[in-house]
Amino acid sequence: MEGDLLLFYTDGVTETERSNEYFGVERLSAIVQNNISRNPDEILEKILTEVTKFKGSLSQEDDITIILLNCTYE
């Protein structure tokens, strides 16, 4: 539908870990929902910022790939 977002991501996003806790689908979903009125670039930046803050000084153990599509029709 018009205005829908389609999000593809690798497990490197949701499996980013700190203290035996994963970033998880719930956090990712909340970020998207809380920023739904923003453009896709801003949402993507917010996701990456939150993943980086979550892991803190720990190294990123897995790759992160995110594709965010905004559905529009003309």
PDB file of N, CA and C in Angstrom:
ATOM      1  N   MET A   1       0.827  -1.181   0.000  1.00  0.00           N
ATOM      2  CA  MET A   1       0.000   0.000   0.000  1.00  0.00           C
ATOM      3  C   MET A   1       0.872   1.245   0.000  1.00  0.00           C
ATOM      4  N   GLU A   2       0.328   2.312  -0.499  1.00  0.00           N
ATOM      5  CA  GLU A   2       1.019   3.595  -0.503  1.00  0.00           C
ATOM      6  C   GLU A   2       1.453   3.959   0.914  1.00  0.00           C
ATOM      7  N   GLY A   3       2.705   4.362   1.041  1.00  0.00           N
ATOM      8  CA  GLY A   3       3.230   4.772   2.339  1.00  0.00           C
ATOM      9  C   GLY A   3       3.785   3.639   3.184  1.00  0.00           C
ATOM     10  N   ASP A   4       3.615   2.400   2.742  1.00  0.00           N
ATOM     11  CA  ASP A   4       4.178   1.271   3.484  1.00  0.00           C
ATOM     12  C   ASP A   4       5.693   1.260   3.350  1.00  0.00           C
ATOM     13  N   LEU A   5       6.349   0.706   4.342  1.00  0.00           N
ATOM     14  CA  LEU A   5       7.788   0.502   4.300  1.00  0.00           C
ATOM     15  C   LEU A   5       8.073  -0.989   4.261  1.00  0.00           C
ATOM     16  N   LEU A   6       9.074  -1.352   3.490  1.00  0.00           N
ATOM     17  CA  LEU A   6       9.501  -2.734   3.418  1.00  0.00           C
ATOM     18  C   LEU A   6      10.956  -2.769   3.886  1.00  0.00           C
ATOM     19  N   LEU A   7      11.215  -3.536   4.942  1.00  0.00           N
ATOM     20  CA  LEU A   7      12.533  -3.577   5.556  1.00  0.00           C
ATOM     21  C   LEU A   7      13.136  -4.967   5.409  1.00  0.00           C
ATOM     22  N   PHE A   8      14.317  -5.011   4.809  1.00  0.00           N
ATOM     23  CA  PHE A   8      15.106  -6.233   4.719  1.00  0.00           C
ATOM     24  C   PHE A   8      16.375  -5.995   5.541  1.00  0.00           C
ATOM     25  N   TYR A   9      16.795  -6.999   6.295  1.00  0.00           N
ATOM     26  CA  TYR A   9      18.011  -6.830   7.093  1.00  0.00           C
ATOM     27  C   TYR A   9      18.654  -8.196   7.311  1.00  0.00           C
ATOM     28  N   THR A  10      19.953  -8.167   7.516  1.00  0.00           N
ATOM     29  CA  THR A  10      20.666  -9.402   7.837  1.00  0.00           C
ATOM     30  C   THR A  10      20.679  -9.605   9.349  1.00  0.00           C
ATOM     31  N   ASP A  11      21.030 -10.800   9.755  1.00  0.00           N
ATOM     32  CA  ASP A  11      21.037 -11.122  11.179  1.00  0.00           C
ATOM     33  C   ASP A  11      22.081 -10.343  11.963  1.00  0.00           C
ATOM     34  N   GLY A  12      22.991  -9.682  11.269  1.00  0.00           N
ATOM     35  CA  GLY A  12      23.973  -8.846  11.958  1.00  0.00           C
ATOM     36  C   GLY A  12      23.323  -7.692  12.704  1.00  0.00           C
ATOM     37  N   VAL A  13      22.129  -7.286  12.269  1.00  0.00           N
ATOM     38  CA  VAL A  13      21.402  -6.222  12.967  1.00  0.00           C
ATOM     39  C   VAL A  13      20.818  -6.775  14.257  1.00  0.00           C
ATOM     40  N   THR A  14      19.974  -7.764  14.154  1.00  0.00           N
ATOM     41  CA  THR A  14      19.241  -8.270  15.315  1.00  0.00           C
ATOM     42  C   THR A  14      20.106  -9.100  16.264  1.00  0.00           C
ATOM     43  N   GLU A  15      21.213  -9.636  15.764  1.00  0.00           N
ATOM     44  CA  GLU A  15      22.078 -10.448  16.613  1.00  0.00           C
ATOM     45  C   GLU A  15      23.290  -9.685  17.139  1.00  0.00           C
ATOM     46  N   THR A  16      23.286  -8.361  16.976  1.00  0.00           N
ATOM     47  CA  THR A  16      24.312  -7.556  17.639  1.00  0.00           C
ATOM     48  C   THR A  16      24.133  -7.789  19.129  1.00  0.00           C
ATOM     49  N   GLU A  17      25.234  -8.055  19.815  1.00  0.00           N
ATOM     50  CA  GLU A  17      25.138  -8.551  21.192  1.00  0.00           C
ATOM     51  C   GLU A  17      25.929  -7.687  22.169  1.00  0.00           C
ATOM     52  N   ARG A  18      25.404  -7.601  23.381  1.00  0.00           N
ATOM     53  CA  ARG A  18      26.130  -7.038  24.518  1.00  0.00           C
ATOM     54  C   ARG A  18      25.674  -7.798  25.763  1.00  0.00           C
ATOM     55  N   SER A  19      26.584  -8.151  26.589  1.00  0.00           N
ATOM     56  CA  SER A  19      26.275  -8.835  27.859  1.00  0.00           C
ATOM     57  C   SER A  19      25.250  -9.951  27.684  1.00  0.00           C
ATOM     58  N   ASN A  20      25.464 -10.802  26.699  1.00  0.00           N
ATOM     59  CA  ASN A  20      24.578 -11.939  26.422  1.00  0.00           C
ATOM     60  C   ASN A  20      23.137 -11.532  26.102  1.00  0.00           C
ATOM     61  N   GLU A  21      22.951 -10.345  25.570  1.00  0.00           N
ATOM     62  CA  GLU A  21      21.637  -9.857  25.150  1.00  0.00           C
ATOM     63  C   GLU A  21      21.741  -9.418  23.696  1.00  0.00           C
ATOM     64  N   TYR A  22      20.773  -9.808  22.890  1.00  0.00           N
ATOM     65  CA  TYR A  22      20.744  -9.412  21.484  1.00  0.00           C
ATOM     66  C   TYR A  22      19.969  -8.116  21.290  1.00  0.00           C
ATOM     67  N   PHE A  23      20.328  -7.380  20.247  1.00  0.00           N
ATOM     68  CA  PHE A  23      19.580  -6.178  19.886  1.00  0.00           C
ATOM     69  C   PHE A  23      18.125  -6.555  19.620  1.00  0.00           C
ATOM     70  N   GLY A  24      17.907  -7.569  18.820  1.00  0.00           N
ATOM     71  CA  GLY A  24      16.595  -8.177  18.652  1.00  0.00           C
ATOM     72  C   GLY A  24      15.636  -7.489  17.690  1.00  0.00           C
ATOM     73  N   VAL A  25      14.662  -8.273  17.286  1.00  0.00           N
ATOM     74  CA  VAL A  25      13.623  -7.812  16.365  1.00  0.00           C
ATOM     75  C   VAL A  25      12.736  -6.763  17.032  1.00  0.00           C
ATOM     76  N   GLU A  26      12.489  -6.916  18.316  1.00  0.00           N
ATOM     77  CA  GLU A  26      11.596  -5.980  19.019  1.00  0.00           C
ATOM     78  C   GLU A  26      12.170  -4.571  19.012  1.00  0.00           C
ATOM     79  N   ARG A  27      13.461  -4.430  19.289  1.00  0.00           N
ATOM     80  CA  ARG A  27      14.088  -3.103  19.267  1.00  0.00           C
ATOM     81  C   ARG A  27      14.055  -2.526  17.863  1.00  0.00           C
ATOM     82  N   LEU A  28      14.386  -3.355  16.896  1.00  0.00           N
ATOM     83  CA  LEU A  28      14.390  -2.906  15.501  1.00  0.00           C
ATOM     84  C   LEU A  28      12.998  -2.438  15.093  1.00  0.00           C
ATOM     85  N   SER A  29      12.001  -3.211  15.400  1.00  0.00           N
ATOM     86  CA  SER A  29      10.620  -2.856  15.072  1.00  0.00           C
ATOM     87  C   SER A  29      10.202  -1.556  15.753  1.00  0.00           C
ATOM     88  N   ALA A  30      10.581  -1.384  17.012  1.00  0.00           N
ATOM     89  CA  ALA A  30      10.230  -0.169  17.750  1.00  0.00           C
ATOM     90  C   ALA A  30      10.864   1.071  17.110  1.00  0.00           C
ATOM     91  N   ILE A  31      12.102   0.942  16.666  1.00  0.00           N
ATOM     92  CA  ILE A  31      12.768   2.073  16.010  1.00  0.00           C
ATOM     93  C   ILE A  31      12.009   2.473  14.754  1.00  0.00           C
ATOM     94  N   VAL A  32      11.640   1.490  13.949  1.00  0.00           N
ATOM     95  CA  VAL A  32      10.910   1.787  12.711  1.00  0.00           C
ATOM     96  C   VAL A  32       9.563   2.422  13.043  1.00  0.00           C
ATOM     97  N   GLN A  33       8.831   1.843  13.973  1.00  0.00           N
ATOM     98  CA  GLN A  33       7.511   2.375  14.343  1.00  0.00           C
ATOM     99  C   GLN A  33       7.608   3.795  14.905  1.00  0.00           C
ATOM    100  N   ASN A  34       8.616   4.058  15.720  1.00  0.00           N
ATOM    101  CA  ASN A  34       8.770   5.373  16.339  1.00  0.00           C
ATOM    102  C   ASN A  34       9.266   6.443  15.368  1.00  0.00           C
ATOM    103  N   ASN A  35       9.730   6.016  14.210  1.00  0.00           N
ATOM    104  CA  ASN A  35      10.267   6.954  13.221  1.00  0.00           C
ATOM    105  C   ASN A  35       9.559   6.857  11.879  1.00  0.00           C
ATOM    106  N   ILE A  36       8.371   6.284  11.871  1.00  0.00           N
ATOM    107  CA  ILE A  36       7.651   5.988  10.638  1.00  0.00           C
ATOM    108  C   ILE A  36       7.376   7.226   9.778  1.00  0.00           C
ATOM    109  N   SER A  37       7.290   8.395  10.395  1.00  0.00           N
ATOM    110  CA  SER A  37       7.003   9.615   9.629  1.00  0.00           C
ATOM    111  C   SER A  37       8.245  10.198   8.961  1.00  0.00           C
ATOM    112  N   ARG A  38       9.399   9.670   9.279  1.00  0.00           N
ATOM    113  CA  ARG A  38      10.654  10.158   8.685  1.00  0.00           C
ATOM    114  C   ARG A  38      10.887   9.502   7.329  1.00  0.00           C
ATOM    115  N   ASN A  39      11.808  10.066   6.568  1.00  0.00           N
ATOM    116  CA  ASN A  39      12.130   9.456   5.273  1.00  0.00           C
ATOM    117  C   ASN A  39      13.035   8.242   5.495  1.00  0.00           C
ATOM    118  N   PRO A  40      13.113   7.345   4.531  1.00  0.00           N
ATOM    119  CA  PRO A  40      13.886   6.101   4.698  1.00  0.00           C
ATOM    120  C   PRO A  40      15.345   6.320   5.098  1.00  0.00           C
ATOM    121  N   ASP A  41      15.993   7.349   4.555  1.00  0.00           N
ATOM    122  CA  ASP A  41      17.386   7.607   4.927  1.00  0.00           C
ATOM    123  C   ASP A  41      17.518   7.928   6.409  1.00  0.00           C
ATOM    124  N   GLU A  42      16.575   8.694   6.937  1.00  0.00           N
ATOM    125  CA  GLU A  42      16.613   9.044   8.359  1.00  0.00           C
ATOM    126  C   GLU A  42      16.341   7.822   9.236  1.00  0.00           C
ATOM    127  N   ILE A  43      15.423   6.981   8.812  1.00  0.00           N
ATOM    128  CA  ILE A  43      15.134   5.755   9.562  1.00  0.00           C
ATOM    129  C   ILE A  43      16.356   4.839   9.570  1.00  0.00           C
ATOM    130  N   LEU A  44      16.970   4.685   8.420  1.00  0.00           N
ATOM    131  CA  LEU A  44      18.180   3.864   8.313  1.00  0.00           C
ATOM    132  C   LEU A  44      19.266   4.397   9.243  1.00  0.00           C
ATOM    133  N   GLU A  45      19.484   5.693   9.231  1.00  0.00           N
ATOM    134  CA  GLU A  45      20.488   6.295  10.104  1.00  0.00           C
ATOM    135  C   GLU A  45      20.160   6.054  11.578  1.00  0.00           C
ATOM    136  N   LYS A  46      18.898   6.158  11.929  1.00  0.00           N
ATOM    137  CA  LYS A  46      18.469   5.917  13.316  1.00  0.00           C
ATOM    138  C   LYS A  46      18.744   4.472  13.726  1.00  0.00           C
ATOM    139  N   ILE A  47      18.444   3.522  12.843  1.00  0.00           N
ATOM    140  CA  ILE A  47      18.709   2.108  13.136  1.00  0.00           C
ATOM    141  C   ILE A  47      20.199   1.900  13.392  1.00  0.00           C
ATOM    142  N   LEU A  48      21.025   2.399  12.496  1.00  0.00           N
ATOM    143  CA  LEU A  48      22.472   2.211  12.628  1.00  0.00           C
ATOM    144  C   LEU A  48      23.009   2.883  13.893  1.00  0.00           C
ATOM    145  N   THR A  49      22.491   4.059  14.221  1.00  0.00           N
ATOM    146  CA  THR A  49      22.902   4.752  15.439  1.00  0.00           C
ATOM    147  C   THR A  49      22.543   3.941  16.674  1.00  0.00           C
ATOM    148  N   GLU A  50      21.336   3.402  16.705  1.00  0.00           N
ATOM    149  CA  GLU A  50      20.885   2.639  17.870  1.00  0.00           C
ATOM    150  C   GLU A  50      21.639   1.319  18.008  1.00  0.00           C
ATOM    151  N   VAL A  51      21.953   0.659  16.901  1.00  0.00           N
ATOM    152  CA  VAL A  51      22.748  -0.575  16.962  1.00  0.00           C
ATOM    153  C   VAL A  51      24.138  -0.260  17.509  1.00  0.00           C
ATOM    154  N   THR A  52      24.726   0.834  17.044  1.00  0.00           N
ATOM    155  CA  THR A  52      26.058   1.236  17.507  1.00  0.00           C
ATOM    156  C   THR A  52      26.041   1.577  18.995  1.00  0.00           C
ATOM    157  N   LYS A  53      25.029   2.322  19.438  1.00  0.00           N
ATOM    158  CA  LYS A  53      24.912   2.648  20.867  1.00  0.00           C
ATOM    159  C   LYS A  53      24.702   1.381  21.695  1.00  0.00           C
ATOM    160  N   PHE A  54      23.910   0.455  21.193  1.00  0.00           N
ATOM    161  CA  PHE A  54      23.619  -0.781  21.908  1.00  0.00           C
ATOM    162  C   PHE A  54      24.889  -1.582  22.170  1.00  0.00           C
ATOM    163  N   LYS A  55      25.721  -1.744  21.156  1.00  0.00           N
ATOM    164  CA  LYS A  55      26.920  -2.575  21.312  1.00  0.00           C
ATOM    165  C   LYS A  55      28.030  -1.866  22.070  1.00  0.00           C
ATOM    166  N   GLY A  56      27.943  -0.545  22.158  1.00  0.00           N
ATOM    167  CA  GLY A  56      28.967   0.199  22.892  1.00  0.00           C
ATOM    168  C   GLY A  56      30.338   0.017  22.273  1.00  0.00           C
ATOM    169  N   SER A  57      31.316  -0.257  23.113  1.00  0.00           N
ATOM    170  CA  SER A  57      32.697  -0.377  22.638  1.00  0.00           C
ATOM    171  C   SER A  57      33.027  -1.771  22.103  1.00  0.00           C
ATOM    172  N   LEU A  58      32.066  -2.684  22.165  1.00  0.00           N
ATOM    173  CA  LEU A  58      32.311  -4.038  21.652  1.00  0.00           C
ATOM    174  C   LEU A  58      32.427  -4.007  20.128  1.00  0.00           C
ATOM    175  N   SER A  59      33.210  -4.924  19.589  1.00  0.00           N
ATOM    176  CA  SER A  59      33.358  -4.976  18.134  1.00  0.00           C
ATOM    177  C   SER A  59      32.114  -5.593  17.499  1.00  0.00           C
ATOM    178  N   GLN A  60      31.861  -5.206  16.255  1.00  0.00           N
ATOM    179  CA  GLN A  60      30.746  -5.765  15.502  1.00  0.00           C
ATOM    180  C   GLN A  60      31.196  -7.112  14.966  1.00  0.00           C
ATOM    181  N   GLU A  61      30.563  -8.189  15.394  1.00  0.00           N
ATOM    182  CA  GLU A  61      30.994  -9.538  15.045  1.00  0.00           C
ATOM    183  C   GLU A  61      30.455 -10.015  13.696  1.00  0.00           C
ATOM    184  N   ASP A  62      29.418  -9.377  13.191  1.00  0.00           N
ATOM    185  CA  ASP A  62      28.768  -9.837  11.955  1.00  0.00           C
ATOM    186  C   ASP A  62      28.512  -8.625  11.064  1.00  0.00           C
ATOM    187  N   ASP A  63      28.341  -8.877   9.781  1.00  0.00           N
ATOM    188  CA  ASP A  63      28.044  -7.781   8.863  1.00  0.00           C
ATOM    189  C   ASP A  63      26.620  -7.270   9.100  1.00  0.00           C
ATOM    190  N   ILE A  64      26.389  -6.042   8.710  1.00  0.00           N
ATOM    191  CA  ILE A  64      25.062  -5.441   8.786  1.00  0.00           C
ATOM    192  C   ILE A  64      24.685  -4.967   7.396  1.00  0.00           C
ATOM    193  N   THR A  65      23.562  -5.464   6.921  1.00  0.00           N
ATOM    194  CA  THR A  65      23.004  -5.004   5.662  1.00  0.00           C
ATOM    195  C   THR A  65      21.539  -4.681   5.898  1.00  0.00           C
ATOM    196  N   ILE A  66      21.128  -3.489   5.459  1.00  0.00           N
ATOM    197  CA  ILE A  66      19.741  -3.066   5.613  1.00  0.00           C
ATOM    198  C   ILE A  66      19.266  -2.463   4.299  1.00  0.00           C
ATOM    199  N   ILE A  67      18.102  -2.894   3.865  1.00  0.00           N
ATOM    200  CA  ILE A  67      17.439  -2.299   2.708  1.00  0.00           C
ATOM    201  C   ILE A  67      16.063  -1.856   3.174  1.00  0.00           C
ATOM    202  N   LEU A  68      15.763  -0.588   2.976  1.00  0.00           N
ATOM    203  CA  LEU A  68      14.491  -0.020   3.400  1.00  0.00           C
ATOM    204  C   LEU A  68      13.836   0.626   2.191  1.00  0.00           C
ATOM    205  N   LEU A  69      12.672   0.114   1.812  1.00  0.00           N
ATOM    206  CA  LEU A  69      11.944   0.620   0.657  1.00  0.00           C
ATOM    207  C   LEU A  69      10.693   1.326   1.099  1.00  0.00           C
ATOM    208  N   ASN A  70      10.482   2.493   0.539  1.00  0.00           N
ATOM    209  CA  ASN A  70       9.268   3.266   0.786  1.00  0.00           C
ATOM    210  C   ASN A  70       8.351   3.059  -0.425  1.00  0.00           C
ATOM    211  N   CYS A  71       7.186   2.517  -0.220  1.00  0.00           N
ATOM    212  CA  CYS A  71       6.269   2.216  -1.327  1.00  0.00           C
ATOM    213  C   CYS A  71       5.448   3.440  -1.698  1.00  0.00           C
ATOM    214  N   THR A  72       5.644   3.912  -2.908  1.00  0.00           N
ATOM    215  CA  THR A  72       4.853   5.023  -3.430  1.00  0.00           C
ATOM    216  C   THR A  72       4.381   4.662  -4.831  1.00  0.00           C
ATOM    217  N   TYR A  73       3.293   5.247  -5.210  1.00  0.00           N
ATOM    218  CA  TYR A  73       2.729   4.978  -6.528  1.00  0.00           C
ATOM    219  C   TYR A  73       2.431   6.300  -7.215  1.00  0.00           C
ATOM    220  N   GLU A  74       2.629   6.326  -8.509  1.00  0.00           N
ATOM    221  CA  GLU A  74       2.304   7.511  -9.290  1.00  0.00           C
ATOM    222  C   GLU A  74       1.327   7.163 -10.378  1.00  0.00           C
TER     223      GLU A  74
END
